Amino acid sequence: MKSRSLTTWIVAALFIGVIVGFALNKLATPGFNQQYSADISVVTDIFLRLIKMIIAPLILSTLVVGIAKMGDARTLGRVFSKTLFLFVCASFISITLGLVIVNLLKPGAGINFVAPADTVVDNVATAAFSVKNFIAHLIPTSIVDAMARNEILQIVVFSIFMGIALSAIGEKGKPILTLLESVVSLMLKLTGYVMLFAPLTVFAAISGMIAERGLVVLLEAGIFMGEFYLTLATLWLVLIGLAVLIVGRCILRLTKGIAEPALLAFTTSSSEAAFPGTLKQLEQFGVSNKIASFVLPIGYSFNLVGSMAYCSFAVIFIAQACNIEISMGDQITMLLILMLTSKGMAGVPRASLVVIAATLTQFNIPEAGLILLMGVDPFLDMGRSATNVMSNAMGAAIVGRWEGEHYGEGCHGKPPVAVVEMAEPEPLKKAG
């Protein structure tokens, strides 16, 4: 199935899912709709399991190959420092943008939420950020265990060490490098087969959600959802605009190219589902394999800008709903805290809610305010996932540009000079 055809099928499945879900919600009984949602979610579970089945070996192989091809530790350090700097800036922009818009629009004003003293929010564990816990989650005790649990951050750490070591042993490492390059090709081909199930998965996820919850959920929280999606739209414009300034107008080709993986992330609420497609689009755009395969996995751990914007937006929203005034100084402190705590979000179930819950307790905002988010969080997660995909793709293209790569017409910088081999001159013939 060609990429354009797959995108068409995904969009069609999205609209059909909304229509079927809405019809069931209006015509069937609540009991039937709950059962339908539970039964058809099996399709989504199967697809996400298939994605998780390939994500660990794909990240491991692509990242190790990318690092090994960089050649030396100096190049690796330079690319890593540029990547880290870029992602820290993106984090700062996203969290700040969330704070600015929520203060301007005040979506929580007038709600007057009163939290019952004995309210407990289920399935959300609150834990204060600590360096010890972060490092414990960062360093794997076993790469097999990390891959079995799809701990992306731990896989990235192991892959960095393995790639450096593979580069250091030189000729002895070439057979392993060749094997891993074959694994990359194999996993990308396998990804193509898995993606054939994407339209059916989109239909199942959307129809089940609408059938059980109904469009009324969207209408009741429409103001909050609309203003948060406005925040995400503004974030898209800012990040793409910065990419245009740094890379050039050609970045718009990449924006168009990642529409399919971003749409898949949106409909499945999973950034992981979009990883293979994003990697493919980056390489088609012109980002070298060594840059794309290095920056993208790190971005999935450190550059979840959609989730970070949501954390700052949601915390202030809950404070407004509870009529709690948060001073500008406290909000700056909150920004710095979220800059740290958000870096441990990768691989944590319901990570955004966990980070929000921990932040609420640090600023004496009732944790029960999470109730205001629970009903619409699945719909908001869709936008966050798509935004994470866009940001990581822009990040990889920018790092590649900083490393001197050129992506064709409309890009800044000079294209590489082609080396033309001169034909040897024919021997001169003697006159007469």
Protein backbone atom coordinates (compact mmCIF):
# COMPACT_ATOMS: atom_id res chain seq x y z
CA MET A 1 0.00 0.00 0.00
CA LYS A 2 1.54 3.29 -1.08
CA SER A 3 2.02 6.02 1.50
CA ARG A 4 -0.51 8.39 -0.09
CA SER A 5 -3.08 5.60 -0.32
CA LEU A 6 -2.50 4.68 3.32
CA THR A 7 -3.04 8.28 4.41
CA THR A 8 -6.32 8.37 2.47
CA TRP A 9 -7.48 5.17 4.15
CA ILE A 10 -6.55 6.50 7.61
CA VAL A 11 -8.50 9.74 7.07
CA ALA A 12 -11.48 7.80 5.72
CA ALA A 13 -11.36 5.44 8.71
CA LEU A 14 -11.28 8.46 11.05
CA PHE A 15 -14.47 9.96 9.61
CA ILE A 16 -16.27 6.61 9.37
CA GLY A 17 -15.31 5.88 12.98
CA VAL A 18 -16.81 9.17 14.15
CA ILE A 19 -20.06 8.51 12.24
CA VAL A 20 -20.43 4.92 13.47
CA GLY A 21 -19.53 5.84 17.04
CA PHE A 22 -21.99 8.74 17.10
CA ALA A 23 -24.76 6.56 15.64
CA LEU A 24 -24.17 3.84 18.23
CA ASN A 25 -24.08 6.39 21.04
CA LYS A 26 -27.47 7.76 20.00
CA LEU A 27 -29.26 4.54 19.00
CA ALA A 28 -27.82 1.76 21.19
CA THR A 29 -28.07 1.26 24.94
CA PRO A 30 -25.23 2.43 27.24
CA GLY A 31 -24.55 -1.20 28.16
CA PHE A 32 -24.17 -2.20 24.52
CA ASN A 33 -21.89 0.76 23.82
CA GLN A 34 -19.64 -0.08 26.76
CA GLN A 35 -19.40 -3.66 25.56
CA TYR A 36 -18.76 -2.54 21.98
CA SER A 37 -16.00 -0.19 23.12
CA ALA A 38 -14.40 -2.94 25.21
CA ASP A 39 -14.62 -5.53 22.43
CA ILE A 40 -13.39 -3.40 19.54
CA SER A 41 -10.50 -2.05 21.63
CA VAL A 42 -8.91 -5.46 21.02
CA VAL A 43 -8.10 -4.24 17.49
CA THR A 44 -6.28 -1.19 18.89
CA ASP A 45 -4.48 -3.33 21.45
CA ILE A 46 -3.28 -5.70 18.73
CA PHE A 47 -1.93 -2.86 16.59
CA LEU A 48 -0.15 -1.14 19.49
CA ARG A 49 1.31 -4.49 20.56
CA LEU A 50 2.61 -4.99 17.02
CA ILE A 51 4.18 -1.54 17.12
CA LYS A 52 5.74 -2.21 20.51
CA MET A 53 6.99 -5.54 19.15
CA ILE A 54 9.19 -3.76 16.61
CA ILE A 55 10.00 -0.46 18.36
CA ALA A 56 12.77 -1.74 20.67
CA PRO A 57 14.86 -3.57 18.02
CA LEU A 58 14.27 -0.72 15.58
CA ILE A 59 15.51 1.96 18.00
CA LEU A 60 18.45 -0.18 19.15
CA SER A 61 19.63 -0.99 15.62
CA THR A 62 19.11 2.47 14.10
CA LEU A 63 20.71 4.31 17.02
CA VAL A 64 23.75 2.01 17.24
CA VAL A 65 24.32 2.21 13.47
CA GLY A 66 23.91 5.97 13.52
CA ILE A 67 26.45 6.44 16.31
CA ALA A 68 28.93 3.96 14.82
CA LYS A 69 28.82 5.80 11.48
CA MET A 70 29.66 9.14 13.08
CA GLY A 71 33.24 8.03 13.18
CA ASP A 72 34.69 9.51 16.37
CA ALA A 73 33.77 10.60 19.86
CA ARG A 74 34.26 14.28 18.98
CA THR A 75 31.57 14.15 16.27
CA LEU A 76 29.25 12.24 18.57
CA GLY A 77 29.75 14.75 21.38
CA ARG A 78 29.13 17.67 19.05
CA VAL A 79 25.89 16.18 17.67
CA PHE A 80 24.70 15.18 21.13
CA SER A 81 25.35 18.64 22.59
CA LYS A 82 23.49 20.31 19.71
CA THR A 83 20.59 17.87 20.10
CA LEU A 84 20.38 18.40 23.85
CA PHE A 85 20.56 22.20 23.49
CA LEU A 86 17.80 22.15 20.89
CA PHE A 87 15.51 19.97 22.99
CA VAL A 88 16.04 22.08 26.11
CA CYS A 89 15.06 25.18 24.10
CA ALA A 90 11.99 23.39 22.72
CA SER A 91 11.01 22.33 26.24
CA PHE A 92 11.34 25.90 27.50
CA ILE A 93 9.24 27.24 24.61
CA SER A 94 6.47 24.66 25.05
CA ILE A 95 6.13 25.01 28.83
CA THR A 96 6.28 28.81 28.63
CA LEU A 97 3.69 28.87 25.86
CA GLY A 98 1.35 26.73 27.94
CA LEU A 99 1.71 29.11 30.88
CA VAL A 100 1.22 32.24 28.75
CA ILE A 101 -1.93 31.07 26.96
CA VAL A 102 -3.60 29.60 30.04
CA ASN A 103 -3.02 32.92 31.87
CA LEU A 104 -4.39 34.93 28.96
CA LEU A 105 -7.50 32.82 28.25
CA LYS A 106 -8.21 31.63 31.83
CA PRO A 107 -10.21 28.50 30.89
CA GLY A 108 -10.65 27.53 34.56
CA ALA A 109 -12.16 30.85 35.68
CA GLY A 110 -15.72 30.54 36.94
CA ILE A 111 -15.71 26.75 37.41
CA ASN A 112 -15.44 27.11 41.22
CA PHE A 113 -14.41 23.50 41.72
CA VAL A 114 -14.50 22.35 45.34
CA ALA A 115 -12.47 19.22 46.03
CA PRO A 116 -14.00 16.80 48.56
CA ALA A 117 -11.61 16.08 51.39
CA ASP A 118 -11.72 12.29 50.91
CA THR A 119 -11.39 12.28 47.11
CA VAL A 120 -8.77 9.89 45.76
CA VAL A 121 -7.81 9.89 42.10
CA ASP A 122 -7.39 6.31 40.96
CA ASN A 123 -4.55 5.00 38.80
CA VAL A 124 -2.41 8.12 39.12
CA ALA A 125 0.62 7.72 41.33
CA THR A 126 2.11 10.93 42.65
CA ALA A 127 5.79 11.07 43.36
CA ALA A 128 8.07 14.05 43.78
CA PHE A 129 10.92 14.34 41.30
CA SER A 130 14.26 13.18 42.62
CA VAL A 131 17.62 12.73 40.94
CA LYS A 132 17.88 9.25 42.44
CA ASN A 133 14.61 8.06 40.90
CA PHE A 134 15.45 9.67 37.57
CA ILE A 135 18.86 7.99 37.35
CA ALA A 136 17.36 4.68 38.49
CA HIS A 137 14.89 4.91 35.60
CA LEU A 138 17.60 6.11 33.20
CA ILE A 139 20.22 3.37 33.57
CA PRO A 140 19.20 -0.18 32.59
CA THR A 141 20.19 -3.13 34.73
CA SER A 142 19.60 -5.38 31.73
CA ILE A 143 19.12 -4.45 28.09
CA VAL A 144 16.95 -7.55 27.68
CA ASP A 145 14.68 -6.35 30.47
CA ALA A 146 14.60 -2.81 29.04
CA MET A 147 13.65 -4.10 25.59
CA ALA A 148 11.04 -6.44 27.06
CA ARG A 149 9.37 -3.48 28.82
CA ASN A 150 9.99 -1.05 25.91
CA GLU A 151 11.85 1.39 28.17
CA ILE A 152 12.94 3.76 25.41
CA LEU A 153 15.15 5.89 27.64
CA GLN A 154 17.09 2.85 28.86
CA ILE A 155 17.41 1.47 25.32
CA VAL A 156 18.82 4.83 24.21
CA VAL A 157 21.44 4.80 26.98
CA PHE A 158 22.56 1.26 26.13
CA SER A 159 22.61 2.03 22.40
CA ILE A 160 24.85 5.07 22.94
CA PHE A 161 27.40 2.98 24.83
CA MET A 162 27.21 0.16 22.28
CA GLY A 163 27.56 2.53 19.32
CA ILE A 164 30.62 4.22 20.84
CA ALA A 165 32.23 0.86 21.61
CA LEU A 166 31.45 -0.47 18.14
CA SER A 167 33.09 2.56 16.56
CA ALA A 168 36.13 2.20 18.84
CA ILE A 169 36.94 -1.42 17.88
CA GLY A 170 37.19 -0.51 14.22
CA GLU A 171 37.48 -3.37 11.72
CA LYS A 172 36.43 -6.00 14.26
CA GLY A 173 33.06 -4.29 14.60
CA LYS A 174 32.21 -4.23 10.87
CA PRO A 175 30.43 -7.62 10.87
CA ILE A 176 28.22 -6.47 13.75
CA LEU A 177 27.57 -3.14 12.02
CA THR A 178 26.60 -4.97 8.80
CA LEU A 179 24.27 -7.22 10.79
CA LEU A 180 22.60 -4.27 12.50
CA GLU A 181 22.14 -2.48 9.16
CA SER A 182 20.35 -5.60 7.94
CA VAL A 183 18.22 -5.54 11.09
CA VAL A 184 17.23 -1.92 10.33
CA SER A 185 16.14 -2.87 6.81
CA LEU A 186 14.27 -5.89 8.16
CA MET A 187 12.44 -3.90 10.84
CA LEU A 188 11.43 -1.17 8.36
CA LYS A 189 10.01 -3.81 6.01
CA LEU A 190 8.19 -5.39 8.95
CA THR A 191 6.88 -1.95 9.86
CA GLY A 192 5.37 -1.66 6.39
CA TYR A 193 3.38 -4.83 6.99
CA VAL A 194 2.21 -3.66 10.42
CA MET A 195 1.07 -0.31 9.01
CA LEU A 196 -1.46 -2.09 6.79
CA PHE A 197 -3.56 -2.51 9.93
CA ALA A 198 -3.50 1.24 10.72
CA PRO A 199 -6.83 2.22 9.08
CA LEU A 200 -8.72 -0.55 10.87
CA THR A 201 -7.08 0.49 14.14
CA VAL A 202 -8.07 4.14 13.63
CA PHE A 203 -11.69 3.12 13.01
CA ALA A 204 -11.74 0.91 16.12
CA ALA A 205 -10.18 3.53 18.41
CA ILE A 206 -12.40 6.42 17.30
CA SER A 207 -15.70 4.54 17.02
CA GLY A 208 -15.24 2.86 20.41
CA MET A 209 -14.37 6.13 22.15
CA ILE A 210 -17.28 8.08 20.63
CA ALA A 211 -19.76 5.22 21.16
CA GLU A 212 -19.00 5.01 24.88
CA ARG A 213 -18.39 8.67 25.72
CA GLY A 214 -20.34 10.47 23.02
CA LEU A 215 -19.64 13.82 21.46
CA VAL A 216 -21.23 15.42 24.52
CA VAL A 217 -17.94 14.91 26.37
CA LEU A 218 -16.27 17.15 23.82
CA LEU A 219 -19.01 19.76 24.05
CA GLU A 220 -19.02 19.93 27.86
CA ALA A 221 -15.28 20.52 28.00
CA GLY A 222 -15.21 22.32 24.66
CA ILE A 223 -13.73 25.57 25.96
CA PHE A 224 -10.87 23.87 27.79
CA MET A 225 -10.16 21.52 24.88
CA GLY A 226 -10.43 24.27 22.27
CA GLU A 227 -8.03 26.54 24.14
CA PHE A 228 -5.53 23.73 24.68
CA TYR A 229 -5.66 22.80 20.99
CA LEU A 230 -5.12 26.50 20.25
CA THR A 231 -1.98 26.21 22.39
CA LEU A 232 -0.82 23.21 20.38
CA ALA A 233 -1.55 24.99 17.09
CA THR A 234 0.47 27.99 18.25
CA LEU A 235 3.30 25.64 19.28
CA TRP A 236 3.26 24.08 15.80
CA LEU A 237 3.51 27.53 14.21
CA VAL A 238 6.35 28.61 16.50
CA LEU A 239 8.45 25.46 16.08
CA ILE A 240 7.89 25.18 12.33
CA GLY A 241 8.59 28.91 11.99
CA LEU A 242 11.90 28.52 13.84
CA ALA A 243 12.74 25.54 11.63
CA VAL A 244 12.07 27.67 8.53
CA LEU A 245 14.43 30.36 9.86
CA ILE A 246 17.19 27.85 10.59
CA VAL A 247 16.77 25.34 7.75
CA GLY A 248 14.84 27.25 5.07
CA ARG A 249 11.49 27.05 3.32
CA CYS A 250 12.23 23.49 2.25
CA ILE A 251 11.24 22.41 5.77
CA LEU A 252 7.64 22.73 4.59
CA ARG A 253 8.25 19.61 2.48
CA LEU A 254 9.06 17.74 5.66
CA THR A 255 5.98 19.17 7.37
CA LYS A 256 3.88 17.74 4.55
CA GLY A 257 5.76 14.45 4.67
CA ILE A 258 5.18 13.83 8.37
CA ALA A 259 1.43 14.43 8.02
CA GLU A 260 0.81 10.68 7.82
CA PRO A 261 2.85 9.62 10.91
CA ALA A 262 1.46 12.62 12.84
CA LEU A 263 -2.08 11.61 11.87
CA LEU A 264 -1.39 8.06 12.98
CA ALA A 265 -0.05 9.32 16.32
CA PHE A 266 -3.15 11.51 16.67
CA THR A 267 -5.68 8.75 16.01
CA THR A 268 -3.93 6.10 18.13
CA SER A 269 -2.70 8.50 20.86
CA SER A 270 0.71 6.87 20.52
CA SER A 271 3.91 8.65 19.46
CA GLU A 272 5.60 5.24 19.25
CA ALA A 273 3.26 4.20 16.44
CA ALA A 274 4.64 7.05 14.33
CA PHE A 275 8.34 6.39 14.95
CA PRO A 276 9.06 4.20 11.89
CA GLY A 277 7.12 6.47 9.53
CA THR A 278 8.83 9.59 10.89
CA LEU A 279 12.26 8.02 10.46
CA LYS A 280 11.40 7.12 6.85
CA GLN A 281 10.13 10.63 6.05
CA LEU A 282 13.25 12.24 7.54
CA GLU A 283 15.52 10.16 5.34
CA GLN A 284 13.39 10.88 2.26
CA PHE A 285 13.61 14.58 3.09
CA GLY A 286 17.39 14.33 3.09
CA VAL A 287 18.41 13.97 6.73
CA SER A 288 21.27 11.47 6.85
CA ASN A 289 20.65 8.14 8.48
CA LYS A 290 23.29 8.76 11.13
CA ILE A 291 21.61 12.02 12.23
CA ALA A 292 17.99 10.84 11.99
CA SER A 293 18.62 7.55 13.77
CA PHE A 294 20.49 9.36 16.57
CA VAL A 295 18.30 12.41 17.15
CA LEU A 296 14.86 10.82 16.79
CA PRO A 297 15.13 8.17 19.58
CA ILE A 298 16.58 10.78 21.95
CA GLY A 299 13.70 13.08 21.05
CA TYR A 300 11.21 10.40 22.07
CA SER A 301 12.75 10.53 25.53
CA PHE A 302 13.59 14.22 25.99
CA ASN A 303 11.46 16.22 23.56
CA LEU A 304 7.82 15.51 24.40
CA VAL A 305 6.86 19.14 23.85
CA GLY A 306 3.13 18.47 23.45
CA SER A 307 3.03 16.74 26.81
CA MET A 308 5.09 19.48 28.46
CA ALA A 309 2.79 22.24 27.17
CA TYR A 310 -0.15 20.24 28.53
CA CYS A 311 1.42 19.92 31.98
CA SER A 312 1.88 23.65 32.46
CA PHE A 313 -1.51 24.46 30.89
CA ALA A 314 -3.37 21.87 32.98
CA VAL A 315 -1.79 22.79 36.35
CA ILE A 316 -2.75 26.45 36.03
CA PHE A 317 -6.20 25.46 34.69
CA ILE A 318 -6.85 23.40 37.83
CA ALA A 319 -5.60 26.24 40.04
CA GLN A 320 -7.98 28.64 38.28
CA ALA A 321 -10.87 26.19 38.65
CA CYS A 322 -10.13 25.94 42.38
CA ASN A 323 -9.84 29.74 42.72
CA ILE A 324 -6.18 29.49 43.75
CA GLU A 325 -3.90 32.34 42.73
CA ILE A 326 -0.44 31.28 41.55
CA SER A 327 2.07 34.13 41.63
CA MET A 328 4.40 34.85 38.74
CA GLY A 329 7.36 33.78 40.88
CA ASP A 330 5.70 30.43 41.61
CA GLN A 331 4.93 29.98 37.93
CA ILE A 332 8.59 30.53 37.04
CA THR A 333 9.49 27.96 39.68
CA MET A 334 6.90 25.63 38.17
CA LEU A 335 8.47 26.09 34.74
CA LEU A 336 11.90 25.08 36.07
CA ILE A 337 10.45 22.07 37.90
CA LEU A 338 8.61 20.89 34.79
CA MET A 339 11.80 21.28 32.76
CA LEU A 340 13.26 18.56 34.99
CA THR A 341 10.30 16.30 35.75
CA SER A 342 9.18 16.11 32.13
CA LYS A 343 12.46 14.42 31.17
CA GLY A 344 11.40 11.28 33.00
CA MET A 345 8.04 10.99 31.24
CA ALA A 346 9.06 8.56 28.51
CA GLY A 347 7.79 5.05 29.07
CA VAL A 348 5.65 5.96 32.08
CA PRO A 349 1.95 5.04 31.71
CA ARG A 350 -0.30 8.12 31.78
CA ALA A 351 2.88 10.13 32.23
CA SER A 352 1.31 13.57 31.79
CA LEU A 353 -1.22 12.98 34.55
CA VAL A 354 1.52 11.64 36.82
CA VAL A 355 3.66 14.76 36.31
CA ILE A 356 0.63 17.04 36.75
CA ALA A 357 -0.35 15.27 39.98
CA ALA A 358 3.18 15.62 41.37
CA THR A 359 3.27 19.32 40.44
CA LEU A 360 -0.12 20.00 42.04
CA THR A 361 1.04 18.66 45.40
CA GLN A 362 4.18 20.84 45.33
CA PHE A 363 2.09 24.02 44.97
CA ASN A 364 -0.69 23.04 47.39
CA ILE A 365 -3.31 22.68 44.65
CA PRO A 366 -5.89 19.97 45.38
CA GLU A 367 -4.93 16.74 43.63
CA ALA A 368 -8.63 16.01 43.20
CA GLY A 369 -8.62 18.69 40.50
CA LEU A 370 -7.40 15.95 38.17
CA ILE A 371 -11.03 14.86 38.00
CA LEU A 372 -11.59 17.85 35.72
CA LEU A 373 -9.13 16.34 33.21
CA MET A 374 -9.99 12.65 33.37
CA GLY A 375 -12.96 12.70 31.02
CA VAL A 376 -11.23 14.54 28.18
CA ASP A 377 -7.61 13.44 28.68
CA PRO A 378 -7.83 10.72 25.97
CA PHE A 379 -8.93 13.34 23.43
CA LEU A 380 -6.16 15.71 24.50
CA ASP A 381 -3.58 12.91 24.35
CA MET A 382 -4.24 12.64 20.63
CA GLY A 383 -3.06 16.20 20.01
CA ARG A 384 -0.10 15.84 22.35
CA SER A 385 1.13 12.73 20.54
CA ALA A 386 0.92 14.35 17.10
CA THR A 387 2.76 17.44 18.39
CA ASN A 388 5.57 15.29 19.80
CA VAL A 389 6.03 13.69 16.37
CA MET A 390 6.21 17.07 14.61
CA SER A 391 8.70 18.49 17.12
CA ASN A 392 11.05 15.51 16.91
CA ALA A 393 11.04 15.62 13.11
CA MET A 394 11.84 19.36 13.11
CA GLY A 395 14.58 18.74 15.66
CA ALA A 396 16.30 16.09 13.55
CA ALA A 397 16.21 18.34 10.46
CA ILE A 398 17.66 21.30 12.40
CA VAL A 399 20.50 19.24 13.88
CA GLY A 400 21.27 17.91 10.40
CA ARG A 401 21.40 21.49 9.08
CA TRP A 402 23.76 22.49 11.90
CA GLU A 403 25.96 19.58 10.84
CA GLY A 404 26.19 21.00 7.32
CA GLU A 405 23.56 18.88 5.59
CA HIS A 406 21.60 20.38 2.70
CA TYR A 407 18.04 19.36 1.83
CA GLY A 408 17.65 20.77 -1.66
CA GLU A 409 16.00 23.82 -3.15
CA GLY A 410 14.75 26.40 -0.68
CA CYS A 411 17.21 25.45 2.06
CA HIS A 412 19.92 27.60 3.60
CA GLY A 413 23.53 26.73 3.01
CA LYS A 414 25.34 25.48 -0.03
CA PRO A 415 24.63 22.07 -1.53
CA PRO A 416 27.54 19.61 -1.49
CA VAL A 417 29.88 19.98 -4.43
CA ALA A 418 29.63 17.03 -6.77
CA VAL A 419 32.90 15.40 -7.62
CA VAL A 420 33.16 14.83 -11.36
CA GLU A 421 35.76 12.37 -12.53
CA MET A 422 37.62 13.64 -15.57
CA ALA A 423 38.11 11.18 -18.40
CA GLU A 424 41.71 10.41 -19.22
CA PRO A 425 42.77 12.20 -22.38
CA GLU A 426 43.33 10.06 -25.43
CA PRO A 427 46.94 9.72 -26.48
CA LEU A 428 47.97 12.16 -29.16
CA LYS A 429 48.34 10.67 -32.58
CA LYS A 430 51.40 11.43 -34.54
CA ALA A 431 50.80 13.61 -37.50
CA GLY A 432 50.99 11.80 -40.83
